[in-house]
């Protein structure tokens, strides 16, 4: 935050003299990487907006088999530009110090195979663990939120085989946007800055 006085002002230019500068760290100590299956409607915008406000560090939009056929370079360019605008606006809203990264959309198999030192989770109603059962020393997390249709049995087996654990967010079936917001909030409460 800067305290300044106006030295000069015109239609094209404003000159300020900085009197005082204070820095405030508004970032979570939890590194949270959200992998989100791309939604076909405006829910994706809301998920990006709210996840940034809740302190997510990185977002990777993930396309499923149905979306793979409609994604082209023009579509991806427009969506990325739009999503980056949402991220910047959300950072301004909640006074974030660091603008989260957003990857270009990619397939699930590529994203899963990235070898990172992150705890990996996906969410399902019948998950093996709840967030309360997790160790207290987690500081890097990679979470995957599915589509409106959830994960197939084949997807779940593939995720488990590749180092993901299943977590439950309770007994109710949540919409994808609710699942993303709930998962991030719970993880921030347990391991982050809530």
N, C-alpha and C. Protein backbone atom coordinates (compact mmCIF):
# COMPACT_ATOMS: atom_id res chain seq x y z
N UNK A 1 0.84 -1.16 0.00
CA UNK A 1 0.00 0.00 0.00
C UNK A 1 0.90 1.24 0.00
N UNK A 2 0.51 2.21 -0.79
CA UNK A 2 1.30 3.43 -0.92
C UNK A 2 0.49 4.64 -0.46
N UNK A 3 1.10 5.48 0.33
CA UNK A 3 0.55 6.79 0.68
C UNK A 3 1.32 7.80 -0.16
N UNK A 4 0.59 8.60 -0.95
CA UNK A 4 1.27 9.50 -1.89
C UNK A 4 0.51 10.82 -2.00
N UNK A 5 1.21 11.83 -2.49
CA UNK A 5 0.57 13.11 -2.80
C UNK A 5 0.68 13.35 -4.30
N UNK A 6 -0.31 14.01 -4.84
CA UNK A 6 -0.31 14.32 -6.27
C UNK A 6 0.60 15.52 -6.51
N UNK A 7 1.57 15.34 -7.41
CA UNK A 7 2.49 16.41 -7.76
C UNK A 7 2.06 17.15 -9.02
N UNK A 8 1.48 16.38 -9.97
CA UNK A 8 1.08 16.95 -11.25
C UNK A 8 -0.06 16.10 -11.80
N UNK A 9 -1.01 16.77 -12.47
CA UNK A 9 -2.12 16.04 -13.08
C UNK A 9 -2.52 16.71 -14.39
N UNK A 10 -2.72 15.89 -15.43
CA UNK A 10 -3.22 16.37 -16.72
C UNK A 10 -4.14 15.29 -17.29
N UNK A 11 -4.63 15.49 -18.50
CA UNK A 11 -5.50 14.48 -19.12
C UNK A 11 -4.79 13.16 -19.36
N UNK A 12 -3.51 13.21 -19.68
CA UNK A 12 -2.77 12.00 -20.02
C UNK A 12 -1.87 11.48 -18.91
N UNK A 13 -1.59 12.28 -17.90
CA UNK A 13 -0.55 11.92 -16.94
C UNK A 13 -0.91 12.38 -15.54
N UNK A 14 -0.51 11.56 -14.59
CA UNK A 14 -0.60 11.96 -13.19
C UNK A 14 0.73 11.58 -12.54
N UNK A 15 1.33 12.51 -11.84
CA UNK A 15 2.61 12.27 -11.16
C UNK A 15 2.37 12.29 -9.66
N UNK A 16 2.86 11.26 -9.00
CA UNK A 16 2.69 11.12 -7.56
C UNK A 16 4.05 11.11 -6.88
N UNK A 17 4.07 11.59 -5.64
CA UNK A 17 5.25 11.48 -4.80
C UNK A 17 4.89 10.54 -3.66
N UNK A 18 5.62 9.42 -3.60
CA UNK A 18 5.35 8.43 -2.57
C UNK A 18 5.90 8.91 -1.23
N UNK A 19 5.02 8.93 -0.23
CA UNK A 19 5.41 9.37 1.10
C UNK A 19 5.73 8.17 1.99
N UNK A 20 4.92 7.12 1.85
CA UNK A 20 5.11 5.95 2.70
C UNK A 20 4.66 4.70 1.94
N UNK A 21 5.35 3.59 2.19
CA UNK A 21 5.01 2.32 1.56
C UNK A 21 4.97 1.24 2.63
N UNK A 22 3.88 0.52 2.70
CA UNK A 22 3.79 -0.60 3.62
C UNK A 22 3.40 -1.84 2.82
N UNK A 23 4.00 -2.96 3.17
CA UNK A 23 3.65 -4.20 2.48
C UNK A 23 2.89 -5.10 3.44
N UNK A 24 1.88 -5.72 2.90
CA UNK A 24 1.05 -6.63 3.68
C UNK A 24 0.93 -7.92 2.89
N UNK A 25 1.30 -9.02 3.50
CA UNK A 25 1.23 -10.30 2.81
C UNK A 25 -0.16 -10.90 2.98
N UNK A 26 -0.90 -10.99 1.88
CA UNK A 26 -2.25 -11.55 1.90
C UNK A 26 -2.29 -12.93 1.25
N UNK A 27 -1.15 -13.58 1.16
CA UNK A 27 -1.08 -14.90 0.52
C UNK A 27 -1.11 -16.01 1.56
N UNK A 28 -1.74 -17.09 1.20
CA UNK A 28 -1.82 -18.27 2.07
C UNK A 28 -0.48 -19.00 2.09
N UNK A 29 -0.19 -19.65 3.19
CA UNK A 29 1.01 -20.48 3.27
C UNK A 29 0.78 -21.84 2.59
N UNK A 30 -0.45 -22.11 2.15
CA UNK A 30 -0.78 -23.35 1.45
C UNK A 30 -0.72 -23.10 -0.05
N UNK A 31 0.14 -23.86 -0.74
CA UNK A 31 0.18 -23.81 -2.21
C UNK A 31 -0.90 -24.75 -2.71
N UNK A 32 -1.89 -24.20 -3.39
CA UNK A 32 -3.04 -24.97 -3.82
C UNK A 32 -3.20 -24.88 -5.33
N UNK A 33 -3.05 -26.01 -6.01
CA UNK A 33 -3.16 -26.09 -7.46
C UNK A 33 -4.49 -26.76 -7.79
N UNK A 34 -5.37 -26.01 -8.43
CA UNK A 34 -6.70 -26.50 -8.80
C UNK A 34 -6.70 -26.99 -10.23
N UNK A 35 -7.03 -28.25 -10.42
CA UNK A 35 -7.32 -28.80 -11.74
C UNK A 35 -8.82 -28.88 -11.87
N UNK A 36 -9.38 -28.14 -12.81
CA UNK A 36 -10.84 -28.06 -12.94
C UNK A 36 -11.27 -28.51 -14.33
N UNK A 37 -12.11 -29.55 -14.38
CA UNK A 37 -12.69 -29.95 -15.66
C UNK A 37 -13.53 -28.77 -16.16
N UNK A 38 -13.31 -28.38 -17.40
CA UNK A 38 -13.96 -27.19 -17.96
C UNK A 38 -15.47 -27.41 -18.04
N UNK A 39 -16.17 -26.44 -17.54
CA UNK A 39 -17.63 -26.46 -17.59
C UNK A 39 -18.10 -25.84 -18.89
N UNK A 40 -19.26 -26.28 -19.35
CA UNK A 40 -19.79 -25.78 -20.62
C UNK A 40 -20.49 -24.43 -20.48
N UNK A 41 -20.67 -23.95 -19.28
CA UNK A 41 -21.41 -22.70 -19.10
C UNK A 41 -20.61 -21.72 -18.24
N UNK A 42 -21.28 -20.74 -17.67
CA UNK A 42 -20.63 -19.67 -16.90
C UNK A 42 -20.06 -20.15 -15.56
N UNK A 43 -20.32 -21.39 -15.18
CA UNK A 43 -19.80 -21.88 -13.91
C UNK A 43 -18.28 -21.81 -13.84
N UNK A 44 -17.62 -21.99 -14.96
CA UNK A 44 -16.15 -21.94 -14.98
C UNK A 44 -15.66 -20.55 -14.56
N UNK A 45 -16.32 -19.51 -15.02
CA UNK A 45 -15.96 -18.15 -14.63
C UNK A 45 -16.07 -17.97 -13.11
N UNK A 46 -17.18 -18.47 -12.56
CA UNK A 46 -17.39 -18.34 -11.12
C UNK A 46 -16.37 -19.15 -10.33
N UNK A 47 -16.05 -20.35 -10.81
CA UNK A 47 -15.06 -21.18 -10.11
C UNK A 47 -13.71 -20.48 -10.09
N UNK A 48 -13.31 -19.91 -11.21
CA UNK A 48 -12.03 -19.19 -11.27
C UNK A 48 -12.06 -17.99 -10.33
N UNK A 49 -13.11 -17.21 -10.40
CA UNK A 49 -13.23 -16.02 -9.55
C UNK A 49 -13.15 -16.38 -8.07
N UNK A 50 -13.97 -17.30 -7.65
CA UNK A 50 -14.03 -17.64 -6.22
C UNK A 50 -12.77 -18.35 -5.75
N UNK A 51 -12.19 -19.21 -6.58
CA UNK A 51 -10.98 -19.91 -6.15
C UNK A 51 -9.82 -18.94 -5.95
N UNK A 52 -9.74 -17.91 -6.79
CA UNK A 52 -8.70 -16.89 -6.62
C UNK A 52 -8.94 -16.12 -5.32
N UNK A 53 -10.19 -15.74 -5.07
CA UNK A 53 -10.51 -15.03 -3.83
C UNK A 53 -10.19 -15.88 -2.60
N UNK A 54 -10.33 -17.19 -2.72
CA UNK A 54 -10.07 -18.10 -1.60
C UNK A 54 -8.60 -18.46 -1.46
N UNK A 55 -7.75 -18.01 -2.37
CA UNK A 55 -6.30 -18.17 -2.20
C UNK A 55 -5.64 -19.24 -3.02
N UNK A 56 -6.29 -19.73 -4.07
CA UNK A 56 -5.66 -20.74 -4.92
C UNK A 56 -4.39 -20.15 -5.55
N UNK A 57 -3.38 -20.99 -5.73
CA UNK A 57 -2.09 -20.54 -6.27
C UNK A 57 -1.99 -20.70 -7.78
N UNK A 58 -2.62 -21.74 -8.30
CA UNK A 58 -2.52 -22.05 -9.72
C UNK A 58 -3.79 -22.77 -10.15
N UNK A 59 -4.22 -22.50 -11.39
CA UNK A 59 -5.41 -23.14 -11.95
C UNK A 59 -5.04 -23.77 -13.28
N UNK A 60 -5.47 -25.01 -13.47
CA UNK A 60 -5.32 -25.66 -14.77
C UNK A 60 -6.70 -26.09 -15.25
N UNK A 61 -7.22 -25.45 -16.29
CA UNK A 61 -8.47 -25.93 -16.90
C UNK A 61 -8.19 -27.24 -17.62
N UNK A 62 -9.04 -28.21 -17.41
CA UNK A 62 -8.83 -29.54 -17.99
C UNK A 62 -10.02 -29.90 -18.86
N UNK A 63 -9.74 -30.34 -20.08
CA UNK A 63 -10.85 -30.72 -20.95
C UNK A 63 -11.05 -32.23 -20.93
N UNK A 64 -12.31 -32.60 -21.05
CA UNK A 64 -12.63 -34.02 -21.14
C UNK A 64 -12.78 -34.40 -22.60
N UNK A 65 -13.13 -35.64 -22.86
CA UNK A 65 -13.21 -36.14 -24.24
C UNK A 65 -14.22 -35.36 -25.07
N UNK A 66 -15.34 -34.96 -24.47
CA UNK A 66 -16.37 -34.23 -25.22
C UNK A 66 -15.88 -32.86 -25.65
N UNK A 67 -15.16 -32.17 -24.77
CA UNK A 67 -14.69 -30.81 -25.08
C UNK A 67 -13.50 -30.81 -26.03
N UNK A 68 -12.72 -31.88 -26.03
CA UNK A 68 -11.50 -31.93 -26.85
C UNK A 68 -11.80 -31.63 -28.31
N UNK A 69 -12.94 -32.08 -28.78
CA UNK A 69 -13.30 -31.90 -30.19
C UNK A 69 -13.68 -30.46 -30.55
N UNK A 70 -14.14 -29.67 -29.58
CA UNK A 70 -14.55 -28.29 -29.90
C UNK A 70 -13.46 -27.25 -29.60
N UNK A 71 -12.40 -27.67 -28.89
CA UNK A 71 -11.35 -26.71 -28.56
C UNK A 71 -10.46 -26.44 -29.78
N UNK A 72 -10.34 -25.18 -30.13
CA UNK A 72 -9.41 -24.79 -31.17
C UNK A 72 -8.60 -23.60 -30.66
N UNK A 73 -7.58 -23.20 -31.40
CA UNK A 73 -6.68 -22.14 -30.91
C UNK A 73 -7.42 -20.83 -30.64
N UNK A 74 -8.37 -20.48 -31.49
CA UNK A 74 -9.12 -19.24 -31.31
C UNK A 74 -9.96 -19.29 -30.04
N UNK A 75 -10.63 -20.42 -29.83
CA UNK A 75 -11.46 -20.61 -28.64
C UNK A 75 -10.59 -20.52 -27.38
N UNK A 76 -9.46 -21.22 -27.39
CA UNK A 76 -8.56 -21.23 -26.23
C UNK A 76 -8.02 -19.83 -25.96
N UNK A 77 -7.62 -19.11 -27.01
CA UNK A 77 -7.09 -17.76 -26.85
C UNK A 77 -8.13 -16.85 -26.19
N UNK A 78 -9.37 -16.90 -26.68
CA UNK A 78 -10.44 -16.05 -26.11
C UNK A 78 -10.73 -16.41 -24.66
N UNK A 79 -10.80 -17.71 -24.38
CA UNK A 79 -11.07 -18.15 -23.01
C UNK A 79 -9.94 -17.76 -22.06
N UNK A 80 -8.70 -17.96 -22.48
CA UNK A 80 -7.56 -17.62 -21.62
C UNK A 80 -7.54 -16.13 -21.32
N UNK A 81 -7.78 -15.32 -22.33
CA UNK A 81 -7.82 -13.87 -22.13
C UNK A 81 -8.91 -13.51 -21.13
N UNK A 82 -10.07 -14.08 -21.31
CA UNK A 82 -11.22 -13.83 -20.42
C UNK A 82 -10.91 -14.29 -18.99
N UNK A 83 -10.37 -15.50 -18.84
CA UNK A 83 -10.07 -16.02 -17.51
C UNK A 83 -8.98 -15.22 -16.81
N UNK A 84 -7.99 -14.74 -17.55
CA UNK A 84 -6.94 -13.92 -16.94
C UNK A 84 -7.52 -12.60 -16.42
N UNK A 85 -8.48 -12.04 -17.15
CA UNK A 85 -9.15 -10.82 -16.69
C UNK A 85 -9.91 -11.08 -15.39
N UNK A 86 -10.57 -12.23 -15.30
CA UNK A 86 -11.28 -12.60 -14.07
C UNK A 86 -10.30 -12.74 -12.91
N UNK A 87 -9.16 -13.36 -13.17
CA UNK A 87 -8.16 -13.56 -12.12
C UNK A 87 -7.65 -12.22 -11.61
N UNK A 88 -7.32 -11.30 -12.51
CA UNK A 88 -6.81 -9.99 -12.10
C UNK A 88 -7.87 -9.23 -11.30
N UNK A 89 -9.10 -9.24 -11.78
CA UNK A 89 -10.20 -8.57 -11.07
C UNK A 89 -10.40 -9.17 -9.68
N UNK A 90 -10.32 -10.48 -9.57
CA UNK A 90 -10.48 -11.15 -8.28
C UNK A 90 -9.34 -10.81 -7.33
N UNK A 91 -8.12 -10.72 -7.86
CA UNK A 91 -6.97 -10.33 -7.04
C UNK A 91 -7.14 -8.92 -6.49
N UNK A 92 -7.65 -8.02 -7.33
CA UNK A 92 -7.91 -6.66 -6.88
C UNK A 92 -8.97 -6.64 -5.79
N UNK A 93 -10.02 -7.44 -5.97
CA UNK A 93 -11.11 -7.50 -5.01
C UNK A 93 -10.62 -7.90 -3.62
N UNK A 94 -9.78 -8.93 -3.56
CA UNK A 94 -9.37 -9.45 -2.25
C UNK A 94 -7.95 -9.04 -1.87
N UNK A 95 -7.36 -8.12 -2.63
CA UNK A 95 -6.05 -7.54 -2.32
C UNK A 95 -4.95 -8.59 -2.23
N UNK A 96 -4.92 -9.49 -3.22
CA UNK A 96 -3.86 -10.50 -3.27
C UNK A 96 -2.54 -9.85 -3.67
N UNK A 97 -1.44 -10.36 -3.14
CA UNK A 97 -0.12 -9.88 -3.50
C UNK A 97 0.41 -10.52 -4.77
N UNK A 98 0.01 -11.75 -5.02
CA UNK A 98 0.51 -12.52 -6.16
C UNK A 98 -0.66 -12.95 -7.02
N UNK A 99 -0.53 -12.72 -8.31
CA UNK A 99 -1.57 -13.14 -9.26
C UNK A 99 -1.37 -14.63 -9.55
N UNK A 100 -2.37 -15.45 -9.28
CA UNK A 100 -2.23 -16.89 -9.56
C UNK A 100 -2.00 -17.17 -11.04
N UNK A 101 -1.27 -18.23 -11.31
CA UNK A 101 -1.05 -18.67 -12.69
C UNK A 101 -2.29 -19.40 -13.19
N UNK A 102 -2.48 -19.34 -14.51
CA UNK A 102 -3.47 -20.20 -15.14
C UNK A 102 -2.81 -20.84 -16.35
N UNK A 103 -2.85 -22.16 -16.39
CA UNK A 103 -2.28 -22.90 -17.52
C UNK A 103 -3.26 -22.91 -18.68
N UNK A 104 -2.73 -23.13 -19.87
CA UNK A 104 -3.63 -23.38 -21.00
C UNK A 104 -4.35 -24.69 -20.75
N UNK A 105 -5.58 -24.81 -21.24
CA UNK A 105 -6.30 -26.06 -21.05
C UNK A 105 -5.50 -27.25 -21.57
N UNK A 106 -5.59 -28.34 -20.83
CA UNK A 106 -4.87 -29.55 -21.21
C UNK A 106 -5.69 -30.78 -20.86
N UNK A 107 -5.26 -31.91 -21.37
CA UNK A 107 -5.99 -33.14 -21.10
C UNK A 107 -5.66 -33.64 -19.70
N UNK A 108 -6.57 -34.41 -19.16
CA UNK A 108 -6.43 -34.93 -17.81
C UNK A 108 -5.17 -35.78 -17.65
N UNK A 109 -4.89 -36.64 -18.61
CA UNK A 109 -3.73 -37.54 -18.49
C UNK A 109 -2.42 -36.76 -18.39
N UNK A 110 -2.29 -35.68 -19.16
CA UNK A 110 -1.08 -34.86 -19.10
C UNK A 110 -0.95 -34.21 -17.73
N UNK A 111 -2.04 -33.65 -17.23
CA UNK A 111 -2.01 -32.95 -15.94
C UNK A 111 -1.70 -33.90 -14.79
N UNK A 112 -2.28 -35.07 -14.83
CA UNK A 112 -2.06 -36.06 -13.77
C UNK A 112 -0.61 -36.52 -13.73
N UNK A 113 0.02 -36.62 -14.88
CA UNK A 113 1.39 -37.16 -14.97
C UNK A 113 2.47 -36.17 -14.53
N UNK A 114 2.11 -34.89 -14.39
CA UNK A 114 3.11 -33.91 -13.93
C UNK A 114 3.66 -34.35 -12.59
N UNK A 115 4.96 -34.47 -12.50
CA UNK A 115 5.59 -34.95 -11.27
C UNK A 115 5.92 -33.77 -10.38
N UNK A 116 5.04 -33.50 -9.47
CA UNK A 116 5.22 -32.39 -8.52
C UNK A 116 5.24 -32.96 -7.11
N UNK A 117 5.81 -32.22 -6.21
CA UNK A 117 5.84 -32.62 -4.80
C UNK A 117 4.59 -32.07 -4.09
N UNK A 118 3.44 -32.44 -4.61
CA UNK A 118 2.17 -31.99 -4.06
C UNK A 118 1.35 -33.20 -3.63
N UNK A 119 0.60 -33.06 -2.55
CA UNK A 119 -0.38 -34.08 -2.18
C UNK A 119 -1.51 -33.96 -3.19
N UNK A 120 -1.98 -35.10 -3.70
CA UNK A 120 -2.96 -35.08 -4.79
C UNK A 120 -4.28 -35.68 -4.31
N UNK A 121 -5.37 -34.92 -4.56
CA UNK A 121 -6.69 -35.36 -4.13
C UNK A 121 -7.73 -35.11 -5.21
N UNK A 122 -8.71 -36.01 -5.25
CA UNK A 122 -9.94 -35.76 -6.00
C UNK A 122 -11.08 -36.00 -5.04
N UNK A 123 -12.24 -35.46 -5.36
CA UNK A 123 -13.36 -35.48 -4.43
C UNK A 123 -14.51 -36.31 -4.97
N UNK A 124 -15.05 -37.13 -4.09
CA UNK A 124 -16.24 -37.92 -4.39
C UNK A 124 -16.98 -38.16 -3.08
N UNK A 125 -18.27 -38.37 -3.20
CA UNK A 125 -19.11 -38.55 -2.03
C UNK A 125 -18.62 -39.70 -1.14
N UNK A 126 -18.17 -40.77 -1.76
CA UNK A 126 -17.71 -41.93 -1.00
C UNK A 126 -16.20 -41.96 -0.85
N UNK A 127 -15.57 -40.79 -0.75
CA UNK A 127 -14.12 -40.71 -0.63
C UNK A 127 -13.57 -41.47 0.56
N UNK A 128 -12.36 -41.96 0.43
CA UNK A 128 -11.72 -42.77 1.48
C UNK A 128 -11.44 -41.95 2.74
N UNK A 129 -11.10 -40.69 2.56
CA UNK A 129 -10.75 -39.82 3.68
C UNK A 129 -11.64 -38.58 3.68
N UNK A 130 -11.63 -37.88 4.80
CA UNK A 130 -12.18 -36.52 4.83
C UNK A 130 -11.00 -35.59 5.10
N UNK A 131 -11.18 -34.33 4.89
CA UNK A 131 -10.09 -33.38 5.11
C UNK A 131 -9.62 -33.40 6.57
N UNK A 132 -10.54 -33.66 7.48
CA UNK A 132 -10.18 -33.73 8.90
C UNK A 132 -9.22 -34.87 9.21
N UNK A 133 -9.22 -35.93 8.39
CA UNK A 133 -8.34 -37.08 8.62
C UNK A 133 -6.91 -36.86 8.12
N UNK A 134 -6.67 -35.78 7.42
CA UNK A 134 -5.35 -35.56 6.81
C UNK A 134 -4.35 -35.04 7.83
N UNK A 135 -3.07 -35.33 7.57
CA UNK A 135 -1.99 -34.85 8.45
C UNK A 135 -1.96 -33.33 8.47
N UNK A 136 -1.41 -32.80 9.56
CA UNK A 136 -1.33 -31.35 9.72
C UNK A 136 -0.16 -30.71 8.97
N UNK A 137 0.73 -31.46 8.37
CA UNK A 137 1.94 -30.88 7.79
C UNK A 137 1.88 -30.73 6.27
N UNK A 138 0.71 -30.62 5.70
CA UNK A 138 0.59 -30.46 4.25
C UNK A 138 0.73 -28.98 3.89
N UNK A 139 1.62 -28.68 2.92
CA UNK A 139 1.75 -27.29 2.49
C UNK A 139 1.65 -27.12 0.97
N UNK A 140 1.57 -28.25 0.25
CA UNK A 140 1.38 -28.20 -1.21
C UNK A 140 0.32 -29.23 -1.59
N UNK A 141 -0.73 -28.75 -2.26
CA UNK A 141 -1.85 -29.61 -2.59
C UNK A 141 -2.24 -29.42 -4.05
N UNK A 142 -2.55 -30.53 -4.70
CA UNK A 142 -3.10 -30.53 -6.07
C UNK A 142 -4.47 -31.19 -5.97
N UNK A 143 -5.52 -30.45 -6.32
CA UNK A 143 -6.86 -31.03 -6.26
C UNK A 143 -7.50 -31.04 -7.64
N UNK A 144 -8.30 -32.05 -7.86
CA UNK A 144 -9.02 -32.19 -9.12
C UNK A 144 -10.51 -32.17 -8.82
N UNK A 145 -11.21 -31.25 -9.50
CA UNK A 145 -12.67 -31.16 -9.39
C UNK A 145 -13.24 -31.62 -10.73
N UNK A 146 -14.17 -32.55 -10.66
CA UNK A 146 -14.73 -33.15 -11.87
C UNK A 146 -15.78 -32.31 -12.55
N UNK A 147 -16.39 -32.89 -13.55
CA UNK A 147 -17.43 -32.22 -14.32
C UNK A 147 -18.77 -32.38 -13.63
N UNK A 148 -19.81 -31.90 -14.31
CA UNK A 148 -21.17 -32.03 -13.81
C UNK A 148 -21.57 -33.49 -13.62
N UNK A 149 -20.90 -34.39 -14.33
CA UNK A 149 -21.25 -35.81 -14.30
C UNK A 149 -20.40 -36.62 -13.32
N UNK A 150 -19.47 -35.97 -12.65
CA UNK A 150 -18.60 -36.68 -11.72
C UNK A 150 -17.53 -37.47 -12.44
N UNK A 151 -16.89 -38.38 -11.73
CA UNK A 151 -15.83 -39.22 -12.29
C UNK A 151 -16.39 -40.61 -12.58
N UNK A 152 -15.98 -41.16 -13.70
CA UNK A 152 -16.36 -42.54 -14.01
C UNK A 152 -15.53 -43.48 -13.14
N UNK A 153 -15.95 -44.73 -13.07
CA UNK A 153 -15.19 -45.74 -12.32
C UNK A 153 -13.77 -45.86 -12.90
N UNK A 154 -13.67 -45.80 -14.22
CA UNK A 154 -12.38 -45.89 -14.90
C UNK A 154 -11.48 -44.70 -14.52
N UNK A 155 -12.08 -43.48 -14.50
CA UNK A 155 -11.34 -42.28 -14.10
C UNK A 155 -10.81 -42.42 -12.67
N UNK A 156 -11.67 -42.88 -11.77
CA UNK A 156 -11.27 -43.03 -10.37
C UNK A 156 -10.10 -44.00 -10.23
N UNK A 157 -10.17 -45.10 -10.92
CA UNK A 157 -9.09 -46.08 -10.86
C UNK A 157 -7.79 -45.48 -11.40
N UNK A 158 -7.89 -44.72 -12.48
CA UNK A 158 -6.72 -44.08 -13.08
C UNK A 158 -6.10 -43.06 -12.11
N UNK A 159 -6.95 -42.28 -11.46
CA UNK A 159 -6.47 -41.29 -10.50
C UNK A 159 -5.76 -41.96 -9.33
N UNK A 160 -6.38 -43.00 -8.79
CA UNK A 160 -5.78 -43.71 -7.66
C UNK A 160 -4.44 -44.33 -8.04
N UNK A 161 -4.37 -44.88 -9.25
CA UNK A 161 -3.13 -45.49 -9.75
C UNK A 161 -2.01 -44.46 -9.90
N UNK A 162 -2.38 -43.19 -10.11
CA UNK A 162 -1.39 -42.13 -10.33
C UNK A 162 -1.18 -41.23 -9.12
N UNK A 163 -1.40 -41.78 -7.93
CA UNK A 163 -1.02 -41.07 -6.70
C UNK A 163 -2.06 -40.16 -6.10
N UNK A 164 -3.27 -40.15 -6.62
CA UNK A 164 -4.34 -39.33 -6.05
C UNK A 164 -5.06 -40.12 -4.97
N UNK A 165 -5.52 -39.44 -3.93
CA UNK A 165 -6.37 -40.02 -2.90
C UNK A 165 -7.75 -39.42 -3.04
N UNK A 166 -8.77 -40.20 -2.70
CA UNK A 166 -10.13 -39.68 -2.78
C UNK A 166 -10.53 -39.09 -1.43
N UNK A 167 -11.11 -37.89 -1.49
CA UNK A 167 -11.60 -37.21 -0.30
C UNK A 167 -13.10 -37.00 -0.43
N UNK A 168 -13.76 -37.04 0.70
CA UNK A 168 -15.20 -36.79 0.73
C UNK A 168 -15.45 -35.40 1.29
N UNK A 169 -16.42 -34.73 0.73
CA UNK A 169 -16.87 -33.43 1.26
C UNK A 169 -18.22 -33.59 1.96
N UNK A 170 -18.56 -34.82 2.31
CA UNK A 170 -19.81 -35.08 3.01
C UNK A 170 -20.74 -35.97 2.21
N UNK A 171 -21.92 -36.16 2.72
CA UNK A 171 -22.85 -37.13 2.15
C UNK A 171 -23.71 -36.56 1.02
N UNK A 172 -23.65 -35.26 0.80
CA UNK A 172 -24.48 -34.66 -0.25
C UNK A 172 -23.72 -34.58 -1.57
N UNK A 173 -24.42 -34.74 -2.67
CA UNK A 173 -23.82 -34.59 -4.00
C UNK A 173 -23.80 -33.10 -4.33
N UNK A 174 -22.59 -32.56 -4.55
CA UNK A 174 -22.43 -31.12 -4.79
C UNK A 174 -22.27 -30.83 -6.27
N UNK A 175 -22.75 -29.69 -6.69
CA UNK A 175 -22.48 -29.21 -8.04
C UNK A 175 -20.98 -28.91 -8.13
N UNK A 176 -20.46 -28.91 -9.36
CA UNK A 176 -19.02 -28.74 -9.51
C UNK A 176 -18.52 -27.42 -8.94
N UNK A 177 -19.28 -26.32 -9.12
CA UNK A 177 -18.83 -25.04 -8.58
C UNK A 177 -18.87 -25.04 -7.06
N UNK A 178 -19.85 -25.70 -6.47
CA UNK A 178 -19.93 -25.81 -5.01
C UNK A 178 -18.80 -26.69 -4.49
N UNK A 179 -18.51 -27.77 -5.19
CA UNK A 179 -17.43 -28.67 -4.78
C UNK A 179 -16.08 -27.94 -4.79
N UNK A 180 -15.82 -27.16 -5.82
CA UNK A 180 -14.54 -26.43 -5.90
C UNK A 180 -14.41 -25.44 -4.74
N UNK A 181 -15.44 -24.65 -4.53
CA UNK A 181 -15.41 -23.63 -3.47
C UNK A 181 -15.30 -24.30 -2.10
N UNK A 182 -16.07 -25.37 -1.88
CA UNK A 182 -16.04 -26.06 -0.59
C UNK A 182 -14.67 -26.70 -0.34
N UNK A 183 -14.13 -27.37 -1.34
CA UNK A 183 -12.84 -28.05 -1.18
C UNK A 183 -11.73 -27.05 -0.85
N UNK A 184 -11.69 -25.96 -1.59
CA UNK A 184 -10.65 -24.95 -1.35
C UNK A 184 -10.81 -24.34 0.04
N UNK A 185 -12.04 -24.02 0.41
CA UNK A 185 -12.30 -23.43 1.73
C UNK A 185 -11.88 -24.37 2.85
N UNK A 186 -12.26 -25.64 2.74
CA UNK A 186 -11.90 -26.61 3.78
C UNK A 186 -10.38 -26.80 3.88
N UNK A 187 -9.71 -26.87 2.75
CA UNK A 187 -8.25 -27.02 2.76
C UNK A 187 -7.57 -25.79 3.35
N UNK A 188 -8.08 -24.60 3.03
CA UNK A 188 -7.52 -23.37 3.62
C UNK A 188 -7.75 -23.32 5.12
N UNK A 189 -8.90 -23.81 5.55
CA UNK A 189 -9.20 -23.84 6.99
C UNK A 189 -8.27 -24.79 7.71
N UNK A 190 -8.01 -25.94 7.13
CA UNK A 190 -7.18 -26.96 7.78
C UNK A 190 -5.68 -26.66 7.67
N UNK A 191 -5.23 -26.21 6.50
CA UNK A 191 -3.78 -26.08 6.26
C UNK A 191 -3.33 -24.66 5.90
N UNK A 192 -4.25 -23.79 5.58
CA UNK A 192 -3.89 -22.48 5.05
C UNK A 192 -4.05 -21.35 6.04
N UNK A 193 -4.65 -20.26 5.57
CA UNK A 193 -4.70 -19.03 6.38
C UNK A 193 -6.10 -18.65 6.83
N UNK A 194 -7.03 -19.60 6.84
CA UNK A 194 -8.38 -19.28 7.36
C UNK A 194 -8.41 -19.51 8.85
